[in-house]
Amino acid sequence: MGLCLRRSAIWSEMPEVRVENRTEGDLVYTIYHTPVGSVRSAVRTHVGRISDGESVEAEWMIKGPEDFEPVIFMVDNTVFHADYEGFLGHVRDIGGDGIVRLDGPNPPYDATDQFFSLEDWSAAQHDYPEQFARLLEACERRLERMMPLILEAPGELTSMGSLSGIYGPRQYEQYVVPFYRKYAPQLMEAGKIPILHAHNNNLRAFVDLVAQTGVPAVEAFTPPPCGDLPLSEARKAWGQETVIWVNFPETLFLLGKQQTYEYTADLLKQDAGSGRLVIGMTEMGSYGITDDESERQFKDGMRAIMDAIDDYGTLS
């Protein structure tokens, strides 16, 4: 019944960094030359079942302690510019068919993982704590430079970080909750609705910490059987005023239209009376449609969701 797209209203550059690209077979290397040294990353193309034009990371920027200095320089050298007209152009194109969600700030702690493989990122915090701390501080400085442009940008619904569950509640409480406590009020004072993308399947371990973030909306919330946190428990922890935006598990479509209808009806009954429930889908959407049969199942599933909303969506 509506489409939501994400779009940034900012672009960035690193004026003192020279970027070089080189292709060797199915590997595409990107080398970043800075005044304090060079680092490189690589992606692998032509990777079989992954869609045409897509690639996977094969090499990350930070592979050892010598790579921190160039990356920290790059972070500090990042300059941001407004692209408000580009954002508004998307708003005009969508018109009344949906909304365009503004790309907002991400926690600096989460931003550090863009330079490492997951294994190296985890190890670096223990093996090179001083260098990692300096990288985190640089990401915090970069966010401070970005925030004025985000606060002034058009757009009301604003993405604000992601809870992926790749690290534990202790790190989330130490590094991430303070980010939300600081910046969520600023976004709301600027007339925006910050929304947390919480797509992890172990959300029960974070349920009380999410309540501490102060965000008014939680999106990509995936209930059982794919996630471990029932909607009723989430509502109890986060309160009646929080918008809970459900990521509907499309795998339920395989069980048939009737079971999809009953599952949706149960969700609506669990949250009866809140007036703060959205049912949608994240990036999966129609990816599972590969033939006539899967298209039929998808259409039946979508119709079952709509039928249940018609029947139970006004419960009070």
C-alpha atoms as a PDB file:
ATOM      1  CA  MET A   1       0.000   0.000   0.000  1.00  0.00           C
ATOM      2  CA  GLY A   2       3.063   2.238  -0.178  1.00  0.00           C
ATOM      3  CA  LEU A   3       6.747   2.249  -1.062  1.00  0.00           C
ATOM      4  CA  CYS A   4       9.662   3.515   1.029  1.00  0.00           C
ATOM      5  CA  LEU A   5      13.021   4.271  -0.581  1.00  0.00           C
ATOM      6  CA  ARG A   6      16.233   5.474   1.038  1.00  0.00           C
ATOM      7  CA  ARG A   7      18.212   8.379  -0.373  1.00  0.00           C
ATOM      8  CA  SER A   8      21.140  10.400   0.936  1.00  0.00           C
ATOM      9  CA  ALA A   9      21.038  14.191   0.800  1.00  0.00           C
ATOM     10  CA  ILE A  10      24.818  14.494   1.202  1.00  0.00           C
ATOM     11  CA  TRP A  11      27.870  13.659  -0.880  1.00  0.00           C
ATOM     12  CA  SER A  12      31.481  13.550   0.227  1.00  0.00           C
ATOM     13  CA  GLU A  13      35.005  13.827  -1.094  1.00  0.00           C
ATOM     14  CA  MET A  14      38.573  13.436   0.186  1.00  0.00           C
ATOM     15  CA  PRO A  15      40.439  16.325  -1.506  1.00  0.00           C
ATOM     16  CA  GLU A  16      43.907  15.245  -0.386  1.00  0.00           C
ATOM     17  CA  VAL A  17      43.528  11.573  -1.272  1.00  0.00           C
ATOM     18  CA  ARG A  18      44.396  10.239  -4.722  1.00  0.00           C
ATOM     19  CA  VAL A  19      42.366   7.199  -5.731  1.00  0.00           C
ATOM     20  CA  GLU A  20      43.724   4.669  -8.219  1.00  0.00           C
ATOM     21  CA  ASN A  21      41.781   1.760  -9.720  1.00  0.00           C
ATOM     22  CA  ARG A  22      43.305  -1.349 -11.265  1.00  0.00           C
ATOM     23  CA  THR A  23      41.735  -4.545 -12.617  1.00  0.00           C
ATOM     24  CA  GLU A  24      43.457  -7.923 -12.615  1.00  0.00           C
ATOM     25  CA  GLY A  25      41.221 -10.674 -13.926  1.00  0.00           C
ATOM     26  CA  ASP A  26      38.092 -10.753 -11.789  1.00  0.00           C
ATOM     27  CA  LEU A  27      39.670  -8.593  -9.049  1.00  0.00           C
ATOM     28  CA  VAL A  28      39.165  -4.830  -9.017  1.00  0.00           C
ATOM     29  CA  TYR A  29      41.655  -3.051  -6.759  1.00  0.00           C
ATOM     30  CA  THR A  30      41.177   0.439  -5.345  1.00  0.00           C
ATOM     31  CA  ILE A  31      44.343   2.065  -3.986  1.00  0.00           C
ATOM     32  CA  TYR A  32      44.104   5.143  -1.771  1.00  0.00           C
ATOM     33  CA  HIS A  33      47.231   7.305  -1.721  1.00  0.00           C
ATOM     34  CA  THR A  34      47.507   9.721   1.238  1.00  0.00           C
ATOM     35  CA  PRO A  35      50.361  11.924   2.515  1.00  0.00           C
ATOM     36  CA  VAL A  36      50.935   9.370   5.317  1.00  0.00           C
ATOM     37  CA  GLY A  37      50.876   6.198   3.232  1.00  0.00           C
ATOM     38  CA  SER A  38      48.677   4.084   0.981  1.00  0.00           C
ATOM     39  CA  VAL A  39      46.079   1.375   1.548  1.00  0.00           C
ATOM     40  CA  ARG A  40      44.101  -0.717  -0.873  1.00  0.00           C
ATOM     41  CA  SER A  41      40.904  -2.728  -1.043  1.00  0.00           C
ATOM     42  CA  ALA A  42      39.605  -5.172  -3.629  1.00  0.00           C
ATOM     43  CA  VAL A  43      36.339  -6.668  -4.802  1.00  0.00           C
ATOM     44  CA  ARG A  44      35.778  -9.802  -6.843  1.00  0.00           C
ATOM     45  CA  THR A  45      33.429  -9.648  -9.831  1.00  0.00           C
ATOM     46  CA  HIS A  46      31.794 -12.419 -11.889  1.00  0.00           C
ATOM     47  CA  VAL A  47      30.871 -14.353  -8.783  1.00  0.00           C
ATOM     48  CA  GLY A  48      28.418 -16.893 -10.100  1.00  0.00           C
ATOM     49  CA  ARG A  49      24.963 -16.853  -8.561  1.00  0.00           C
ATOM     50  CA  ILE A  50      25.246 -13.283  -7.301  1.00  0.00           C
ATOM     51  CA  SER A  51      23.369 -10.896  -9.608  1.00  0.00           C
ATOM     52  CA  ASP A  52      25.086  -9.434 -12.645  1.00  0.00           C
ATOM     53  CA  GLY A  53      27.042  -6.322 -11.828  1.00  0.00           C
ATOM     54  CA  GLU A  54      27.403  -7.240  -8.162  1.00  0.00           C
ATOM     55  CA  SER A  55      30.680  -8.011  -6.413  1.00  0.00           C
ATOM     56  CA  VAL A  56      32.017  -9.303  -3.105  1.00  0.00           C
ATOM     57  CA  GLU A  57      34.817  -7.919  -0.969  1.00  0.00           C
ATOM     58  CA  ALA A  58      38.092  -9.769  -1.394  1.00  0.00           C
ATOM     59  CA  GLU A  59      40.460  -7.453   0.446  1.00  0.00           C
ATOM     60  CA  TRP A  60      39.873  -4.748   3.044  1.00  0.00           C
ATOM     61  CA  MET A  61      41.789  -1.536   3.728  1.00  0.00           C
ATOM     62  CA  ILE A  62      43.094  -2.336   7.198  1.00  0.00           C
ATOM     63  CA  LYS A  63      44.993  -5.599   7.332  1.00  0.00           C
ATOM     64  CA  GLY A  64      47.618  -4.669   9.929  1.00  0.00           C
ATOM     65  CA  PRO A  65      48.766  -1.870  12.266  1.00  0.00           C
ATOM     66  CA  GLU A  66      50.558  -0.010   9.465  1.00  0.00           C
ATOM     67  CA  ASP A  67      47.244   0.632   7.707  1.00  0.00           C
ATOM     68  CA  PHE A  68      45.622   2.670  10.479  1.00  0.00           C
ATOM     69  CA  GLU A  69      47.408   5.969   9.779  1.00  0.00           C
ATOM     70  CA  PRO A  70      46.340   6.290   6.114  1.00  0.00           C
ATOM     71  CA  VAL A  71      42.753   5.333   6.960  1.00  0.00           C
ATOM     72  CA  ILE A  72      42.569   7.797   9.860  1.00  0.00           C
ATOM     73  CA  PHE A  73      43.881  10.491   7.503  1.00  0.00           C
ATOM     74  CA  MET A  74      41.152   9.598   4.980  1.00  0.00           C
ATOM     75  CA  VAL A  75      38.436   9.833   7.609  1.00  0.00           C
ATOM     76  CA  ASP A  76      39.679  13.212   8.815  1.00  0.00           C
ATOM     77  CA  ASN A  77      40.060  14.418   5.221  1.00  0.00           C
ATOM     78  CA  THR A  78      36.425  13.664   4.331  1.00  0.00           C
ATOM     79  CA  VAL A  79      34.506  16.805   3.376  1.00  0.00           C
ATOM     80  CA  PHE A  80      30.700  16.791   3.109  1.00  0.00           C
ATOM     81  CA  HIS A  81      28.429  18.695   0.745  1.00  0.00           C
ATOM     82  CA  ALA A  82      24.659  19.035   0.538  1.00  0.00           C
ATOM     83  CA  ASP A  83      22.708  17.315  -2.241  1.00  0.00           C
ATOM     84  CA  TYR A  84      19.253  18.476  -1.232  1.00  0.00           C
ATOM     85  CA  GLU A  85      18.047  18.911  -4.827  1.00  0.00           C
ATOM     86  CA  GLY A  86      18.862  15.280  -5.586  1.00  0.00           C
ATOM     87  CA  PHE A  87      16.856  14.162  -2.576  1.00  0.00           C
ATOM     88  CA  LEU A  88      13.897  16.365  -3.475  1.00  0.00           C
ATOM     89  CA  GLY A  89      14.028  15.033  -7.030  1.00  0.00           C
ATOM     90  CA  HIS A  90      13.402  11.531  -5.680  1.00  0.00           C
ATOM     91  CA  VAL A  91      10.536  12.867  -3.561  1.00  0.00           C
ATOM     92  CA  ARG A  92       8.936  14.371  -6.673  1.00  0.00           C
ATOM     93  CA  ASP A  93       9.430  11.151  -8.654  1.00  0.00           C
ATOM     94  CA  ILE A  94       7.752   9.002  -5.971  1.00  0.00           C
ATOM     95  CA  GLY A  95       4.898  11.448  -5.535  1.00  0.00           C
ATOM     96  CA  GLY A  96       1.972   9.925  -3.672  1.00  0.00           C
ATOM     97  CA  ASP A  97       3.109   6.319  -4.198  1.00  0.00           C
ATOM     98  CA  GLY A  98       5.343   6.281  -1.119  1.00  0.00           C
ATOM     99  CA  ILE A  99       7.937   8.164   0.891  1.00  0.00           C
ATOM    100  CA  VAL A 100      11.663   8.784   0.550  1.00  0.00           C
ATOM    101  CA  ARG A 101      13.572   8.101   3.735  1.00  0.00           C
ATOM    102  CA  LEU A 102      16.581  10.283   4.457  1.00  0.00           C
ATOM    103  CA  ASP A 103      19.908   8.540   5.097  1.00  0.00           C
ATOM    104  CA  GLY A 104      20.856   9.766   8.537  1.00  0.00           C
ATOM    105  CA  PRO A 105      23.785   9.265  10.921  1.00  0.00           C
ATOM    106  CA  ASN A 106      25.340   5.929  11.856  1.00  0.00           C
ATOM    107  CA  PRO A 107      27.129   5.171  15.128  1.00  0.00           C
ATOM    108  CA  PRO A 108      30.878   5.852  14.814  1.00  0.00           C
ATOM    109  CA  TYR A 109      31.600   2.436  16.350  1.00  0.00           C
ATOM    110  CA  ASP A 110      29.667   0.754  13.550  1.00  0.00           C
ATOM    111  CA  ALA A 111      31.380   2.974  10.970  1.00  0.00           C
ATOM    112  CA  THR A 112      34.795   1.565  11.900  1.00  0.00           C
ATOM    113  CA  ASP A 113      33.911  -1.871  10.510  1.00  0.00           C
ATOM    114  CA  GLN A 114      33.850  -0.594   6.912  1.00  0.00           C
ATOM    115  CA  PHE A 115      37.642  -0.791   6.829  1.00  0.00           C
ATOM    116  CA  PHE A 116      38.098  -4.397   8.023  1.00  0.00           C
ATOM    117  CA  SER A 117      36.908  -7.894   7.445  1.00  0.00           C
ATOM    118  CA  LEU A 118      34.648  -8.889  10.336  1.00  0.00           C
ATOM    119  CA  GLU A 119      37.341 -11.153  11.768  1.00  0.00           C
ATOM    120  CA  ASP A 120      40.035  -8.468  11.574  1.00  0.00           C
ATOM    121  CA  TRP A 121      37.675  -5.824  12.986  1.00  0.00           C
ATOM    122  CA  SER A 122      36.969  -7.994  16.016  1.00  0.00           C
ATOM    123  CA  ALA A 123      40.653  -8.813  16.550  1.00  0.00           C
ATOM    124  CA  ALA A 124      41.909  -5.243  16.030  1.00  0.00           C
ATOM    125  CA  GLN A 125      40.003  -3.976  19.062  1.00  0.00           C
ATOM    126  CA  HIS A 126      42.088  -6.310  21.227  1.00  0.00           C
ATOM    127  CA  ASP A 127      45.355  -6.473  19.257  1.00  0.00           C
ATOM    128  CA  TYR A 128      45.680  -2.740  18.472  1.00  0.00           C
ATOM    129  CA  PRO A 129      43.517  -0.938  21.070  1.00  0.00           C
ATOM    130  CA  GLU A 130      45.315   2.428  20.810  1.00  0.00           C
ATOM    131  CA  GLN A 131      45.101   2.565  17.018  1.00  0.00           C
ATOM    132  CA  PHE A 132      41.480   1.411  17.068  1.00  0.00           C
ATOM    133  CA  ALA A 133      40.599   4.082  19.638  1.00  0.00           C
ATOM    134  CA  ARG A 134      42.140   6.748  17.388  1.00  0.00           C
ATOM    135  CA  LEU A 135      40.158   5.441  14.411  1.00  0.00           C
ATOM    136  CA  LEU A 136      36.952   5.571  16.467  1.00  0.00           C
ATOM    137  CA  GLU A 137      37.717   9.167  17.493  1.00  0.00           C
ATOM    138  CA  ALA A 138      38.249  10.087  13.830  1.00  0.00           C
ATOM    139  CA  CYS A 139      34.872   8.566  12.924  1.00  0.00           C
ATOM    140  CA  GLU A 140      33.291  10.605  15.715  1.00  0.00           C
ATOM    141  CA  ARG A 141      34.871  13.795  14.334  1.00  0.00           C
ATOM    142  CA  ARG A 142      33.592  12.918  10.852  1.00  0.00           C
ATOM    143  CA  LEU A 143      30.062  12.509  12.215  1.00  0.00           C
ATOM    144  CA  GLU A 144      30.237  15.908  13.922  1.00  0.00           C
ATOM    145  CA  ARG A 145      31.065  17.499  10.556  1.00  0.00           C
ATOM    146  CA  MET A 146      28.210  15.652   8.854  1.00  0.00           C
ATOM    147  CA  MET A 147      25.434  16.335  11.362  1.00  0.00           C
ATOM    148  CA  PRO A 148      24.667  19.991  10.499  1.00  0.00           C
ATOM    149  CA  LEU A 149      23.905  18.988   6.897  1.00  0.00           C
ATOM    150  CA  ILE A 150      21.664  16.117   8.034  1.00  0.00           C
ATOM    151  CA  LEU A 151      19.772  18.350  10.448  1.00  0.00           C
ATOM    152  CA  GLU A 152      19.135  20.914   7.705  1.00  0.00           C
ATOM    153  CA  ALA A 153      18.274  18.342   5.015  1.00  0.00           C
ATOM    154  CA  PRO A 154      14.731  17.898   3.706  1.00  0.00           C
ATOM    155  CA  GLY A 155      12.932  14.717   4.656  1.00  0.00           C
ATOM    156  CA  GLU A 156      11.137  13.690   7.803  1.00  0.00           C
ATOM    157  CA  LEU A 157      11.621   9.927   8.238  1.00  0.00           C
ATOM    158  CA  THR A 158      15.357   9.517   8.843  1.00  0.00           C
ATOM    159  CA  SER A 159      17.428   6.339   9.067  1.00  0.00           C
ATOM    160  CA  MET A 160      19.585   6.235  12.181  1.00  0.00           C
ATOM    161  CA  GLY A 161      21.939   3.303  12.390  1.00  0.00           C
ATOM    162  CA  SER A 162      21.440  -0.431  12.343  1.00  0.00           C
ATOM    163  CA  LEU A 163      21.364  -3.170  14.948  1.00  0.00           C
ATOM    164  CA  SER A 164      22.823  -6.207  13.204  1.00  0.00           C
ATOM    165  CA  GLY A 165      23.714  -8.348  16.216  1.00  0.00           C
ATOM    166  CA  ILE A 166      27.301  -8.979  15.054  1.00  0.00           C
ATOM    167  CA  TYR A 167      28.558  -7.814  18.459  1.00  0.00           C
ATOM    168  CA  GLY A 168      27.100  -8.189  21.920  1.00  0.00           C
ATOM    169  CA  PRO A 169      24.979  -6.077  24.263  1.00  0.00           C
ATOM    170  CA  ARG A 170      28.045  -4.945  26.250  1.00  0.00           C
ATOM    171  CA  GLN A 171      29.571  -3.163  23.234  1.00  0.00           C
ATOM    172  CA  TYR A 172      26.170  -1.840  22.203  1.00  0.00           C
ATOM    173  CA  GLU A 173      25.633  -0.279  25.609  1.00  0.00           C
ATOM    174  CA  GLN A 174      29.154   1.138  25.807  1.00  0.00           C
ATOM    175  CA  TYR A 175      29.573   2.538  22.303  1.00  0.00           C
ATOM    176  CA  VAL A 176      26.198   2.808  20.600  1.00  0.00           C
ATOM    177  CA  VAL A 177      23.529   3.797  23.132  1.00  0.00           C
ATOM    178  CA  PRO A 178      25.361   7.100  23.915  1.00  0.00           C
ATOM    179  CA  PHE A 179      25.269   7.908  20.178  1.00  0.00           C
ATOM    180  CA  TYR A 180      21.478   7.638  20.154  1.00  0.00           C
ATOM    181  CA  ARG A 181      21.092   9.528  23.414  1.00  0.00           C
ATOM    182  CA  LYS A 182      23.098  12.399  21.937  1.00  0.00           C
ATOM    183  CA  TYR A 183      21.794  12.622  18.385  1.00  0.00           C
ATOM    184  CA  ALA A 184      18.189  11.319  18.437  1.00  0.00           C
ATOM    185  CA  PRO A 185      16.983  14.415  20.377  1.00  0.00           C
ATOM    186  CA  GLN A 186      18.780  16.662  17.870  1.00  0.00           C
ATOM    187  CA  LEU A 187      17.027  15.001  14.946  1.00  0.00           C
ATOM    188  CA  MET A 188      13.633  15.228  16.625  1.00  0.00           C
ATOM    189  CA  GLU A 189      14.198  18.892  17.479  1.00  0.00           C
ATOM    190  CA  ALA A 190      14.888  19.424  13.768  1.00  0.00           C
ATOM    191  CA  GLY A 191      11.455  17.961  12.943  1.00  0.00           C
ATOM    192  CA  LYS A 192      12.683  14.518  11.897  1.00  0.00           C
ATOM    193  CA  ILE A 193      11.623  11.008  12.931  1.00  0.00           C
ATOM    194  CA  PRO A 194      14.791   8.962  13.576  1.00  0.00           C
ATOM    195  CA  ILE A 195      14.305   5.277  12.923  1.00  0.00           C
ATOM    196  CA  LEU A 196      16.495   2.395  14.090  1.00  0.00           C
ATOM    197  CA  HIS A 197      16.958  -0.493  11.640  1.00  0.00           C
ATOM    198  CA  ALA A 198      16.944  -3.544  13.956  1.00  0.00           C
ATOM    199  CA  HIS A 199      17.093  -6.549  11.667  1.00  0.00           C
ATOM    200  CA  ASN A 200      19.082  -8.946  13.877  1.00  0.00           C
ATOM    201  CA  ASN A 201      17.497 -12.268  14.787  1.00  0.00           C
ATOM    202  CA  ASN A 202      18.787 -12.130  18.411  1.00  0.00           C
ATOM    203  CA  LEU A 203      16.943  -8.941  19.305  1.00  0.00           C
ATOM    204  CA  ARG A 204      15.752 -10.269  22.668  1.00  0.00           C
ATOM    205  CA  ALA A 205      19.291  -9.771  24.052  1.00  0.00           C
ATOM    206  CA  PHE A 206      19.077  -6.060  23.118  1.00  0.00           C
ATOM    207  CA  VAL A 207      15.432  -5.322  23.881  1.00  0.00           C
ATOM    208  CA  ASP A 208      16.061  -3.195  26.990  1.00  0.00           C
ATOM    209  CA  LEU A 209      18.966  -1.353  25.337  1.00  0.00           C
ATOM    210  CA  VAL A 210      16.778  -0.411  22.374  1.00  0.00           C
ATOM    211  CA  ALA A 211      14.399   1.178  24.859  1.00  0.00           C
ATOM    212  CA  GLN A 212      17.314   3.287  26.152  1.00  0.00           C
ATOM    213  CA  THR A 213      18.082   4.730  22.703  1.00  0.00           C
ATOM    214  CA  GLY A 214      15.039   6.994  22.817  1.00  0.00           C
ATOM    215  CA  VAL A 215      14.236   6.510  19.120  1.00  0.00           C
ATOM    216  CA  PRO A 216      10.526   6.848  18.296  1.00  0.00           C
ATOM    217  CA  ALA A 217      10.523   4.103  15.636  1.00  0.00           C
ATOM    218  CA  VAL A 218      12.141   0.667  15.213  1.00  0.00           C
ATOM    219  CA  GLU A 219      12.197  -0.743  11.686  1.00  0.00           C
ATOM    220  CA  ALA A 220      12.972  -4.179  10.188  1.00  0.00           C
ATOM    221  CA  PHE A 221      11.792  -5.801  13.431  1.00  0.00           C
ATOM    222  CA  THR A 222      11.493  -9.474  12.484  1.00  0.00           C
ATOM    223  CA  PRO A 223       9.308 -11.552  14.823  1.00  0.00           C
ATOM    224  CA  PRO A 224       9.463 -15.339  15.280  1.00  0.00           C
ATOM    225  CA  PRO A 225       9.981 -17.747  13.605  1.00  0.00           C
ATOM    226  CA  CYS A 226      12.874 -15.817  12.040  1.00  0.00           C
ATOM    227  CA  GLY A 227      13.631 -13.589  15.039  1.00  0.00           C
ATOM    228  CA  ASP A 228      13.592 -14.450  18.747  1.00  0.00           C
ATOM    229  CA  LEU A 229      11.538 -11.521  20.086  1.00  0.00           C
ATOM    230  CA  PRO A 230       7.717 -11.679  19.922  1.00  0.00           C
ATOM    231  CA  LEU A 231       5.926  -8.491  18.997  1.00  0.00           C
ATOM    232  CA  SER A 232       4.021  -8.455  22.293  1.00  0.00           C
ATOM    233  CA  GLU A 233       7.298  -8.462  24.290  1.00  0.00           C
ATOM    234  CA  ALA A 234       8.776  -5.717  22.132  1.00  0.00           C
ATOM    235  CA  ARG A 235       5.699  -3.545  22.654  1.00  0.00           C
ATOM    236  CA  LYS A 236       5.864  -4.078  26.429  1.00  0.00           C
ATOM    237  CA  ALA A 237       9.553  -3.066  26.518  1.00  0.00           C
ATOM    238  CA  TRP A 238       9.382  -0.099  24.124  1.00  0.00           C
ATOM    239  CA  GLY A 239       6.062   1.403  25.120  1.00  0.00           C
ATOM    240  CA  GLN A 240       2.854   2.334  23.370  1.00  0.00           C
ATOM    241  CA  GLU A 241       4.261   5.404  21.625  1.00  0.00           C
ATOM    242  CA  THR A 242       7.062   3.631  19.730  1.00  0.00           C
ATOM    243  CA  VAL A 243       6.338   2.778  16.103  1.00  0.00           C
ATOM    244  CA  ILE A 244       7.249  -0.858  15.464  1.00  0.00           C
ATOM    245  CA  TRP A 245       7.811  -1.466  11.773  1.00  0.00           C
ATOM    246  CA  VAL A 246       7.636  -5.231  11.181  1.00  0.00           C
ATOM    247  CA  ASN A 247       9.731  -6.943   8.536  1.00  0.00           C
ATOM    248  CA  PHE A 248       7.284  -9.634   7.460  1.00  0.00           C
ATOM    249  CA  PRO A 249       9.068 -13.014   7.026  1.00  0.00           C
ATOM    250  CA  GLU A 250       8.318 -13.803   3.367  1.00  0.00           C
ATOM    251  CA  THR A 251       9.261 -17.458   3.903  1.00  0.00           C
ATOM    252  CA  LEU A 252       5.826 -17.850   5.484  1.00  0.00           C
ATOM    253  CA  PHE A 253       4.379 -17.519   1.979  1.00  0.00           C
ATOM    254  CA  LEU A 254       5.616 -21.071   1.370  1.00  0.00           C
ATOM    255  CA  LEU A 255       3.117 -22.304   3.966  1.00  0.00           C
ATOM    256  CA  GLY A 256       0.196 -21.022   1.931  1.00  0.00           C
ATOM    257  CA  LYS A 257      -2.282 -18.191   1.934  1.00  0.00           C
ATOM    258  CA  GLN A 258      -4.311 -19.346   4.959  1.00  0.00           C
ATOM    259  CA  GLN A 259      -1.331 -19.683   7.307  1.00  0.00           C
ATOM    260  CA  THR A 260       0.037 -16.333   6.102  1.00  0.00           C
ATOM    261  CA  TYR A 261      -3.344 -14.774   6.868  1.00  0.00           C
ATOM    262  CA  GLU A 262      -3.448 -16.348  10.340  1.00  0.00           C
ATOM    263  CA  TYR A 263       0.114 -15.248  11.128  1.00  0.00           C
ATOM    264  CA  THR A 264      -0.675 -11.656  10.130  1.00  0.00           C
ATOM    265  CA  ALA A 265      -3.892 -11.684  12.139  1.00  0.00           C
ATOM    266  CA  ASP A 266      -1.957 -12.894  15.182  1.00  0.00           C
ATOM    267  CA  LEU A 267       0.540 -10.040  14.813  1.00  0.00           C
ATOM    268  CA  LEU A 268      -2.282  -7.522  14.701  1.00  0.00           C
ATOM    269  CA  LYS A 269      -3.945  -9.084  17.745  1.00  0.00           C
ATOM    270  CA  GLN A 270      -0.656  -8.995  19.700  1.00  0.00           C
ATOM    271  CA  ASP A 271      -0.446  -5.244  19.113  1.00  0.00           C
ATOM    272  CA  ALA A 272      -4.127  -4.391  19.283  1.00  0.00           C
ATOM    273  CA  GLY A 273      -4.833  -0.802  20.220  1.00  0.00           C
ATOM    274  CA  SER A 274      -1.331   0.624  19.885  1.00  0.00           C
ATOM    275  CA  GLY A 275      -1.921   2.458  16.619  1.00  0.00           C
ATOM    276  CA  ARG A 276       1.850   2.321  16.145  1.00  0.00           C
ATOM    277  CA  LEU A 277       2.321  -0.789  13.999  1.00  0.00           C
ATOM    278  CA  VAL A 278       3.583  -0.938  10.413  1.00  0.00           C
ATOM    279  CA  ILE A 279       3.858  -4.149   8.386  1.00  0.00           C
ATOM    280  CA  GLY A 280       6.345  -4.087   5.550  1.00  0.00           C
ATOM    281  CA  MET A 281       9.369  -5.825   4.068  1.00  0.00           C
ATOM    282  CA  THR A 282      13.045  -4.934   3.965  1.00  0.00           C
ATOM    283  CA  GLU A 283      15.504  -5.518   1.130  1.00  0.00           C
ATOM    284  CA  MET A 284      14.207  -9.001   0.353  1.00  0.00           C
ATOM    285  CA  GLY A 285      10.912  -7.839  -1.097  1.00  0.00           C
ATOM    286  CA  SER A 286      10.277  -9.774  -4.289  1.00  0.00           C
ATOM    287  CA  TYR A 287      13.795 -11.270  -4.562  1.00  0.00           C
ATOM    288  CA  GLY A 288      12.344 -14.721  -3.985  1.00  0.00           C
ATOM    289  CA  ILE A 289      10.302 -14.628  -7.186  1.00  0.00           C
ATOM    290  CA  THR A 290      12.135 -16.827  -9.692  1.00  0.00           C
ATOM    291  CA  ASP A 291       9.362 -18.589 -11.606  1.00  0.00           C
ATOM    292  CA  ASP A 292       5.596 -18.710 -12.100  1.00  0.00           C
ATOM    293  CA  GLU A 293       5.003 -20.769  -8.942  1.00  0.00           C
ATOM    294  CA  SER A 294       6.997 -18.496  -6.635  1.00  0.00           C
ATOM    295  CA  GLU A 295       5.245 -15.492  -8.197  1.00  0.00           C
ATOM    296  CA  ARG A 296       1.882 -17.081  -7.397  1.00  0.00           C
ATOM    297  CA  GLN A 297       2.953 -17.774  -3.795  1.00  0.00           C
ATOM    298  CA  PHE A 298       4.201 -14.209  -3.391  1.00  0.00           C
ATOM    299  CA  LYS A 299       0.980 -12.684  -4.719  1.00  0.00           C
ATOM    300  CA  ASP A 300      -1.142 -14.979  -2.558  1.00  0.00           C
ATOM    301  CA  GLY A 301       0.955 -14.041   0.467  1.00  0.00           C
ATOM    302  CA  MET A 302       0.643 -10.318  -0.146  1.00  0.00           C
ATOM    303  CA  ARG A 303      -3.108 -10.640  -0.607  1.00  0.00           C
ATOM    304  CA  ALA A 304      -3.331 -12.640   2.634  1.00  0.00           C
ATOM    305  CA  ILE A 305      -1.538  -9.845   4.502  1.00  0.00           C
ATOM    306  CA  MET A 306      -3.892  -7.248   3.046  1.00  0.00           C
ATOM    307  CA  ASP A 307      -6.944  -9.358   3.912  1.00  0.00           C
ATOM    308  CA  ALA A 308      -5.813  -9.725   7.525  1.00  0.00           C
ATOM    309  CA  ILE A 309      -5.167  -5.984   7.802  1.00  0.00           C
ATOM    310  CA  ASP A 310      -8.650  -5.321   6.442  1.00  0.00           C
ATOM    311  CA  ASP A 311     -10.145  -7.706   9.025  1.00  0.00           C
ATOM    312  CA  TYR A 312      -8.034  -6.927  12.110  1.00  0.00           C
ATOM    313  CA  GLY A 313      -6.160  -3.704  11.427  1.00  0.00           C
ATOM    314  CA  THR A 314      -8.549  -1.522  13.411  1.00  0.00           C
ATOM    315  CA  LEU A 315      -8.509  -3.536  16.643  1.00  0.00           C
ATOM    316  CA  SER A 316      -8.672  -1.378  19.750  1.00  0.00           C
END
